[in-house]
Amino acid sequence: MLEIDDPHDWLTQRAAAQQLHEDIGIHPETARRLLVAGLVGRPRMTSLAAFHRRDTVDAFVRQYRAQPPLPVPDRNLVLVRVGNGRVRFGATDQHRLDRLADGWRMSPTWRALCRGVLEAGGRPVGFLVTLGGFVVAGADILGAEWSGADDRPETASPLMTRFDLRPPGEWFDDWHARHLPTGRGGSALRFWALGSRPPWDRTPRERRGKVRAVR
């Protein structure tokens, strides 16, 4: 069994999740999933429990409270939402990317854009993975293909997509661990086209049409 140097400097996963819940309002189960994903630092594993440094948890809380406005993207972005277990701390980069690459629904038009932007000399589309609204992983998209079975194309949705991913470039540093106000529900994949409004912006668009004369 791994010994903890000073038990006052460490929190069990349950206690760390409870602290995140009390300090910044994250649901305890969501907080636990973020801890499992490694978003709040490297845990110490024992045969009985996982322990997280108290100062690392405190630093995460301070960062959440003081985070500046979200960055302005310098590339097209794909934002995906994952559930429990798809992103776990300790997995190799390649294993993590393999788990994230498949099973997404994307229109053929956006797939073509993901493939064509590199061929046109542009920056690769960024891939942001969110869990409970927090960015827990990222990648560069090198390609996107339909993931249906070639021998039974009529049974597969034309939207099912598999990405060719590589570890992200320096651009991801500005997004890692950031909280995105994506809201609940809706599609698990959203495309944020360069220069457009973010997917969570619900400001009503200005309606254009005929102006009715006032009499």
C-alpha atoms as a PDB file:
ATOM      1  CA  MET A   1       0.000   0.000   0.000  1.00  0.00           C
ATOM      2  CA  LEU A   2       1.297   3.446  -0.981  1.00  0.00           C
ATOM      3  CA  GLU A   3       1.850   5.709   2.007  1.00  0.00           C
ATOM      4  CA  ILE A   4       0.710   9.319   1.999  1.00  0.00           C
ATOM      5  CA  ASP A   5       3.432  11.634   3.369  1.00  0.00           C
ATOM      6  CA  ASP A   6       1.076  14.017   5.147  1.00  0.00           C
ATOM      7  CA  PRO A   7      -2.600  13.003   5.230  1.00  0.00           C
ATOM      8  CA  HIS A   8      -3.616  16.627   5.818  1.00  0.00           C
ATOM      9  CA  ASP A   9      -2.267  17.543   2.364  1.00  0.00           C
ATOM     10  CA  TRP A  10      -4.406  14.960   0.554  1.00  0.00           C
ATOM     11  CA  LEU A  11      -8.106  14.381  -0.061  1.00  0.00           C
ATOM     12  CA  THR A  12      -9.844  11.182  -1.002  1.00  0.00           C
ATOM     13  CA  GLN A  13     -11.602  11.301  -4.350  1.00  0.00           C
ATOM     14  CA  ARG A  14     -14.937  11.537  -2.558  1.00  0.00           C
ATOM     15  CA  ALA A  15     -13.756  14.410  -0.341  1.00  0.00           C
ATOM     16  CA  ALA A  16     -12.215  16.241  -3.319  1.00  0.00           C
ATOM     17  CA  ALA A  17     -15.458  15.897  -5.279  1.00  0.00           C
ATOM     18  CA  GLN A  18     -17.414  17.223  -2.317  1.00  0.00           C
ATOM     19  CA  GLN A  19     -15.081  20.219  -2.027  1.00  0.00           C
ATOM     20  CA  LEU A  20     -15.536  21.046  -5.710  1.00  0.00           C
ATOM     21  CA  HIS A  21     -19.282  20.775  -5.223  1.00  0.00           C
ATOM     22  CA  GLU A  22     -19.281  23.113  -2.231  1.00  0.00           C
ATOM     23  CA  ASP A  23     -16.821  25.663  -3.630  1.00  0.00           C
ATOM     24  CA  ILE A  24     -17.965  26.069  -7.243  1.00  0.00           C
ATOM     25  CA  GLY A  25     -21.284  24.248  -7.436  1.00  0.00           C
ATOM     26  CA  ILE A  26     -20.266  21.283  -9.583  1.00  0.00           C
ATOM     27  CA  HIS A  27     -22.496  18.266  -8.997  1.00  0.00           C
ATOM     28  CA  PRO A  28     -20.542  15.735  -6.888  1.00  0.00           C
ATOM     29  CA  GLU A  29     -20.808  13.019  -9.550  1.00  0.00           C
ATOM     30  CA  THR A  30     -19.623  15.405 -12.267  1.00  0.00           C
ATOM     31  CA  ALA A  31     -16.738  16.436 -10.016  1.00  0.00           C
ATOM     32  CA  ARG A  32     -15.827  12.787  -9.499  1.00  0.00           C
ATOM     33  CA  ARG A  33     -15.757  12.209 -13.254  1.00  0.00           C
ATOM     34  CA  LEU A  34     -13.480  15.226 -13.730  1.00  0.00           C
ATOM     35  CA  LEU A  35     -11.138  13.825 -11.091  1.00  0.00           C
ATOM     36  CA  VAL A  36     -11.115  10.437 -12.841  1.00  0.00           C
ATOM     37  CA  ALA A  37     -10.324  12.189 -16.138  1.00  0.00           C
ATOM     38  CA  GLY A  38      -7.251  13.778 -14.545  1.00  0.00           C
ATOM     39  CA  LEU A  39      -8.434  17.346 -14.894  1.00  0.00           C
ATOM     40  CA  VAL A  40      -7.522  18.210 -11.297  1.00  0.00           C
ATOM     41  CA  GLY A  41      -3.985  16.877 -11.246  1.00  0.00           C
ATOM     42  CA  ARG A  42      -2.323  13.511 -10.898  1.00  0.00           C
ATOM     43  CA  PRO A  43      -3.868  11.365  -8.136  1.00  0.00           C
ATOM     44  CA  ARG A  44      -2.024   8.952  -5.894  1.00  0.00           C
ATOM     45  CA  MET A  45      -3.499   5.509  -6.184  1.00  0.00           C
ATOM     46  CA  THR A  46      -3.617   3.044  -3.311  1.00  0.00           C
ATOM     47  CA  SER A  47      -5.281  -0.320  -2.929  1.00  0.00           C
ATOM     48  CA  LEU A  48      -8.131   1.389  -1.090  1.00  0.00           C
ATOM     49  CA  ALA A  49      -8.676   4.766  -2.753  1.00  0.00           C
ATOM     50  CA  ALA A  50      -7.388   7.522  -4.997  1.00  0.00           C
ATOM     51  CA  PHE A  51      -6.020  10.619  -3.256  1.00  0.00           C
ATOM     52  CA  HIS A  52      -5.773  14.143  -4.668  1.00  0.00           C
ATOM     53  CA  ARG A  53      -3.530  16.936  -3.442  1.00  0.00           C
ATOM     54  CA  ARG A  54      -5.475  19.520  -1.487  1.00  0.00           C
ATOM     55  CA  ASP A  55      -3.483  22.419  -2.945  1.00  0.00           C
ATOM     56  CA  THR A  56      -4.166  21.186  -6.499  1.00  0.00           C
ATOM     57  CA  VAL A  57      -7.899  21.085  -5.823  1.00  0.00           C
ATOM     58  CA  ASP A  58      -7.695  24.582  -4.301  1.00  0.00           C
ATOM     59  CA  ALA A  59      -5.780  25.827  -7.363  1.00  0.00           C
ATOM     60  CA  PHE A  60      -8.456  24.431  -9.681  1.00  0.00           C
ATOM     61  CA  VAL A  61     -11.135  26.282  -7.694  1.00  0.00           C
ATOM     62  CA  ARG A  62      -9.192  29.562  -7.913  1.00  0.00           C
ATOM     63  CA  GLN A  63      -8.667  29.105 -11.650  1.00  0.00           C
ATOM     64  CA  TYR A  64     -12.369  28.455 -12.176  1.00  0.00           C
ATOM     65  CA  ARG A  65     -13.369  31.580 -10.248  1.00  0.00           C
ATOM     66  CA  ALA A  66     -10.862  33.872 -11.936  1.00  0.00           C
ATOM     67  CA  GLN A  67     -10.806  32.530 -15.480  1.00  0.00           C
ATOM     68  CA  PRO A  68     -10.651  35.269 -18.144  1.00  0.00           C
ATOM     69  CA  PRO A  69     -12.992  35.441 -21.143  1.00  0.00           C
ATOM     70  CA  LEU A  70     -12.839  32.435 -23.435  1.00  0.00           C
ATOM     71  CA  PRO A  71     -10.253  32.633 -26.238  1.00  0.00           C
ATOM     72  CA  VAL A  72     -11.218  33.716 -29.725  1.00  0.00           C
ATOM     73  CA  PRO A  73     -10.640  30.653 -31.934  1.00  0.00           C
ATOM     74  CA  ASP A  74      -7.948  30.855 -34.595  1.00  0.00           C
ATOM     75  CA  ARG A  75      -9.366  27.796 -36.402  1.00  0.00           C
ATOM     76  CA  ASN A  76     -12.572  25.866 -36.903  1.00  0.00           C
ATOM     77  CA  LEU A  77     -13.471  23.804 -33.842  1.00  0.00           C
ATOM     78  CA  VAL A  78     -15.404  20.625 -33.238  1.00  0.00           C
ATOM     79  CA  LEU A  79     -16.807  20.388 -29.711  1.00  0.00           C
ATOM     80  CA  VAL A  80     -17.901  16.993 -28.436  1.00  0.00           C
ATOM     81  CA  ARG A  81     -19.508  15.978 -25.156  1.00  0.00           C
ATOM     82  CA  VAL A  82     -18.539  12.697 -23.512  1.00  0.00           C
ATOM     83  CA  GLY A  83     -19.873  10.754 -20.565  1.00  0.00           C
ATOM     84  CA  ASN A  84     -18.384   8.773 -17.748  1.00  0.00           C
ATOM     85  CA  GLY A  85     -15.264   6.738 -18.485  1.00  0.00           C
ATOM     86  CA  ARG A  86     -14.476   7.782 -22.052  1.00  0.00           C
ATOM     87  CA  VAL A  87     -11.605   9.992 -20.879  1.00  0.00           C
ATOM     88  CA  ARG A  88      -9.527   8.542 -18.039  1.00  0.00           C
ATOM     89  CA  PHE A  89      -6.323   9.662 -16.404  1.00  0.00           C
ATOM     90  CA  GLY A  90      -3.345   7.389 -17.097  1.00  0.00           C
ATOM     91  CA  ALA A  91      -4.242   6.341 -20.634  1.00  0.00           C
ATOM     92  CA  THR A  92      -1.557   6.869 -23.264  1.00  0.00           C
ATOM     93  CA  ASP A  93      -2.163   9.694 -25.728  1.00  0.00           C
ATOM     94  CA  GLN A  94      -2.768   7.232 -28.561  1.00  0.00           C
ATOM     95  CA  HIS A  95      -5.162   5.097 -26.525  1.00  0.00           C
ATOM     96  CA  ARG A  96      -7.106   8.182 -25.526  1.00  0.00           C
ATOM     97  CA  LEU A  97      -7.326   9.417 -29.112  1.00  0.00           C
ATOM     98  CA  ASP A  98      -8.431   5.996 -30.339  1.00  0.00           C
ATOM     99  CA  ARG A  99     -11.279   6.020 -27.809  1.00  0.00           C
ATOM    100  CA  LEU A 100     -12.342   9.509 -28.891  1.00  0.00           C
ATOM    101  CA  ALA A 101     -12.061   9.111 -32.660  1.00  0.00           C
ATOM    102  CA  ASP A 102     -15.149   7.048 -33.463  1.00  0.00           C
ATOM    103  CA  GLY A 103     -18.913   7.168 -33.053  1.00  0.00           C
ATOM    104  CA  TRP A 104     -19.754  10.807 -33.829  1.00  0.00           C
ATOM    105  CA  ARG A 105     -22.574  12.168 -35.963  1.00  0.00           C
ATOM    106  CA  MET A 106     -21.453  14.820 -38.444  1.00  0.00           C
ATOM    107  CA  SER A 107     -22.908  15.978 -41.738  1.00  0.00           C
ATOM    108  CA  PRO A 108     -21.039  15.088 -44.959  1.00  0.00           C
ATOM    109  CA  THR A 109     -20.496  18.825 -45.539  1.00  0.00           C
ATOM    110  CA  TRP A 110     -18.601  19.294 -42.269  1.00  0.00           C
ATOM    111  CA  ARG A 111     -16.685  16.063 -42.842  1.00  0.00           C
ATOM    112  CA  ALA A 112     -15.508  17.439 -46.176  1.00  0.00           C
ATOM    113  CA  LEU A 113     -14.424  20.658 -44.465  1.00  0.00           C
ATOM    114  CA  CYS A 114     -12.419  18.724 -41.839  1.00  0.00           C
ATOM    115  CA  ARG A 115     -10.602  16.916 -44.638  1.00  0.00           C
ATOM    116  CA  GLY A 116     -10.195  19.847 -46.988  1.00  0.00           C
ATOM    117  CA  VAL A 117      -8.927  22.559 -44.662  1.00  0.00           C
ATOM    118  CA  LEU A 118      -5.454  21.015 -44.466  1.00  0.00           C
ATOM    119  CA  GLU A 119      -5.336  20.411 -48.208  1.00  0.00           C
ATOM    120  CA  ALA A 120      -6.134  24.112 -48.674  1.00  0.00           C
ATOM    121  CA  GLY A 121      -3.216  25.091 -46.429  1.00  0.00           C
ATOM    122  CA  GLY A 122      -5.292  26.032 -43.385  1.00  0.00           C
ATOM    123  CA  ARG A 123      -4.873  25.098 -39.755  1.00  0.00           C
ATOM    124  CA  PRO A 124      -6.238  21.677 -38.791  1.00  0.00           C
ATOM    125  CA  VAL A 125      -9.698  21.742 -37.240  1.00  0.00           C
ATOM    126  CA  GLY A 126      -9.438  21.661 -33.442  1.00  0.00           C
ATOM    127  CA  PHE A 127     -11.175  18.901 -31.482  1.00  0.00           C
ATOM    128  CA  LEU A 128     -12.349  19.856 -27.975  1.00  0.00           C
ATOM    129  CA  VAL A 129     -13.686  17.167 -25.644  1.00  0.00           C
ATOM    130  CA  THR A 130     -15.933  18.326 -22.822  1.00  0.00           C
ATOM    131  CA  LEU A 131     -17.084  16.508 -19.702  1.00  0.00           C
ATOM    132  CA  GLY A 132     -19.573  18.252 -17.468  1.00  0.00           C
ATOM    133  CA  GLY A 133     -18.910  21.425 -19.460  1.00  0.00           C
ATOM    134  CA  PHE A 134     -15.128  21.363 -18.860  1.00  0.00           C
ATOM    135  CA  VAL A 135     -12.550  20.779 -21.593  1.00  0.00           C
ATOM    136  CA  VAL A 136     -10.797  17.558 -20.573  1.00  0.00           C
ATOM    137  CA  ALA A 137      -8.985  16.633 -23.807  1.00  0.00           C
ATOM    138  CA  GLY A 138      -8.172  17.929 -27.252  1.00  0.00           C
ATOM    139  CA  ALA A 139      -6.699  16.968 -30.596  1.00  0.00           C
ATOM    140  CA  ASP A 140      -5.982  18.144 -34.122  1.00  0.00           C
ATOM    141  CA  ILE A 141      -8.305  16.658 -36.742  1.00  0.00           C
ATOM    142  CA  LEU A 142      -6.313  15.413 -39.731  1.00  0.00           C
ATOM    143  CA  GLY A 143      -9.262  13.769 -41.459  1.00  0.00           C
ATOM    144  CA  ALA A 144     -12.882  12.685 -41.116  1.00  0.00           C
ATOM    145  CA  GLU A 145     -14.520   9.717 -42.839  1.00  0.00           C
ATOM    146  CA  TRP A 146     -17.872   7.976 -42.851  1.00  0.00           C
ATOM    147  CA  SER A 147     -17.597   5.072 -40.409  1.00  0.00           C
ATOM    148  CA  GLY A 148     -20.305   2.803 -41.800  1.00  0.00           C
ATOM    149  CA  ALA A 149     -19.664  -0.753 -42.926  1.00  0.00           C
ATOM    150  CA  ASP A 150     -18.825  -0.911 -46.621  1.00  0.00           C
ATOM    151  CA  ASP A 151     -20.626  -4.219 -47.081  1.00  0.00           C
ATOM    152  CA  ARG A 152     -23.912  -2.956 -45.571  1.00  0.00           C
ATOM    153  CA  PRO A 153     -24.051   0.763 -46.318  1.00  0.00           C
ATOM    154  CA  GLU A 154     -27.862   0.831 -46.231  1.00  0.00           C
ATOM    155  CA  THR A 155     -27.895   0.027 -42.492  1.00  0.00           C
ATOM    156  CA  ALA A 156     -25.538   2.790 -41.367  1.00  0.00           C
ATOM    157  CA  SER A 157     -26.392   6.437 -40.849  1.00  0.00           C
ATOM    158  CA  PRO A 158     -24.672   8.746 -43.355  1.00  0.00           C
ATOM    159  CA  LEU A 159     -23.795  10.935 -40.382  1.00  0.00           C
ATOM    160  CA  MET A 160     -21.645   8.415 -38.497  1.00  0.00           C
ATOM    161  CA  THR A 161     -18.084   9.704 -38.575  1.00  0.00           C
ATOM    162  CA  ARG A 162     -14.611   8.602 -37.546  1.00  0.00           C
ATOM    163  CA  PHE A 163     -11.887  11.214 -37.083  1.00  0.00           C
ATOM    164  CA  ASP A 164      -8.173  10.890 -37.741  1.00  0.00           C
ATOM    165  CA  LEU A 165      -6.728  12.575 -34.644  1.00  0.00           C
ATOM    166  CA  ARG A 166      -3.292  13.588 -33.436  1.00  0.00           C
ATOM    167  CA  PRO A 167      -2.259  15.279 -30.158  1.00  0.00           C
ATOM    168  CA  PRO A 168      -3.144  18.993 -30.231  1.00  0.00           C
ATOM    169  CA  GLY A 169      -0.738  21.811 -30.872  1.00  0.00           C
ATOM    170  CA  GLU A 170      -0.015  24.763 -28.611  1.00  0.00           C
ATOM    171  CA  TRP A 171      -3.429  26.262 -29.365  1.00  0.00           C
ATOM    172  CA  PHE A 172      -4.965  23.779 -26.908  1.00  0.00           C
ATOM    173  CA  ASP A 173      -3.190  25.334 -23.912  1.00  0.00           C
ATOM    174  CA  ASP A 174      -5.708  28.203 -23.946  1.00  0.00           C
ATOM    175  CA  TRP A 175      -8.642  25.778 -23.786  1.00  0.00           C
ATOM    176  CA  HIS A 176      -7.565  22.999 -21.450  1.00  0.00           C
ATOM    177  CA  ALA A 177      -9.665  22.843 -18.243  1.00  0.00           C
ATOM    178  CA  ARG A 178     -11.768  25.810 -19.347  1.00  0.00           C
ATOM    179  CA  HIS A 179     -15.478  25.753 -18.609  1.00  0.00           C
ATOM    180  CA  LEU A 180     -17.655  26.158 -21.682  1.00  0.00           C
ATOM    181  CA  PRO A 181     -21.263  27.247 -21.129  1.00  0.00           C
ATOM    182  CA  THR A 182     -22.606  24.636 -23.526  1.00  0.00           C
ATOM    183  CA  GLY A 183     -25.767  23.880 -21.578  1.00  0.00           C
ATOM    184  CA  ARG A 184     -27.414  20.506 -21.177  1.00  0.00           C
ATOM    185  CA  GLY A 185     -28.806  18.198 -23.800  1.00  0.00           C
ATOM    186  CA  GLY A 186     -28.693  18.722 -27.525  1.00  0.00           C
ATOM    187  CA  SER A 187     -26.251  17.169 -29.931  1.00  0.00           C
ATOM    188  CA  ALA A 188     -23.116  15.489 -28.574  1.00  0.00           C
ATOM    189  CA  LEU A 189     -21.135  17.142 -31.394  1.00  0.00           C
ATOM    190  CA  ARG A 190     -21.200  20.786 -32.404  1.00  0.00           C
ATOM    191  CA  PHE A 191     -19.206  22.603 -35.060  1.00  0.00           C
ATOM    192  CA  TRP A 192     -17.865  26.071 -34.316  1.00  0.00           C
ATOM    193  CA  ALA A 193     -16.981  27.611 -37.661  1.00  0.00           C
ATOM    194  CA  LEU A 194     -14.219  30.212 -37.650  1.00  0.00           C
ATOM    195  CA  GLY A 195     -15.684  33.682 -37.207  1.00  0.00           C
ATOM    196  CA  SER A 196     -19.174  32.494 -36.261  1.00  0.00           C
ATOM    197  CA  ARG A 197     -21.038  32.755 -32.976  1.00  0.00           C
ATOM    198  CA  PRO A 198     -20.123  30.141 -30.355  1.00  0.00           C
ATOM    199  CA  PRO A 199     -22.536  27.193 -30.104  1.00  0.00           C
ATOM    200  CA  TRP A 200     -23.759  28.308 -26.664  1.00  0.00           C
ATOM    201  CA  ASP A 201     -24.650  31.856 -27.729  1.00  0.00           C
ATOM    202  CA  ARG A 202     -28.436  31.982 -27.613  1.00  0.00           C
ATOM    203  CA  THR A 203     -28.759  35.678 -28.444  1.00  0.00           C
ATOM    204  CA  PRO A 204     -31.699  35.943 -30.867  1.00  0.00           C
ATOM    205  CA  ARG A 205     -30.665  36.652 -34.408  1.00  0.00           C
ATOM    206  CA  GLU A 206     -31.996  39.767 -36.037  1.00  0.00           C
ATOM    207  CA  ARG A 207     -34.950  38.784 -38.180  1.00  0.00           C
ATOM    208  CA  ARG A 208     -34.911  40.047 -41.709  1.00  0.00           C
ATOM    209  CA  GLY A 209     -38.040  40.443 -43.712  1.00  0.00           C
ATOM    210  CA  LYS A 210     -40.549  42.872 -44.996  1.00  0.00           C
ATOM    211  CA  VAL A 211     -41.135  45.875 -42.818  1.00  0.00           C
ATOM    212  CA  ARG A 212     -44.791  46.435 -42.190  1.00  0.00           C
ATOM    213  CA  ALA A 213     -45.810  50.038 -42.606  1.00  0.00           C
ATOM    214  CA  VAL A 214     -47.333  51.742 -39.582  1.00  0.00           C
ATOM    215  CA  ARG A 215     -50.571  53.510 -40.310  1.00  0.00           C
END
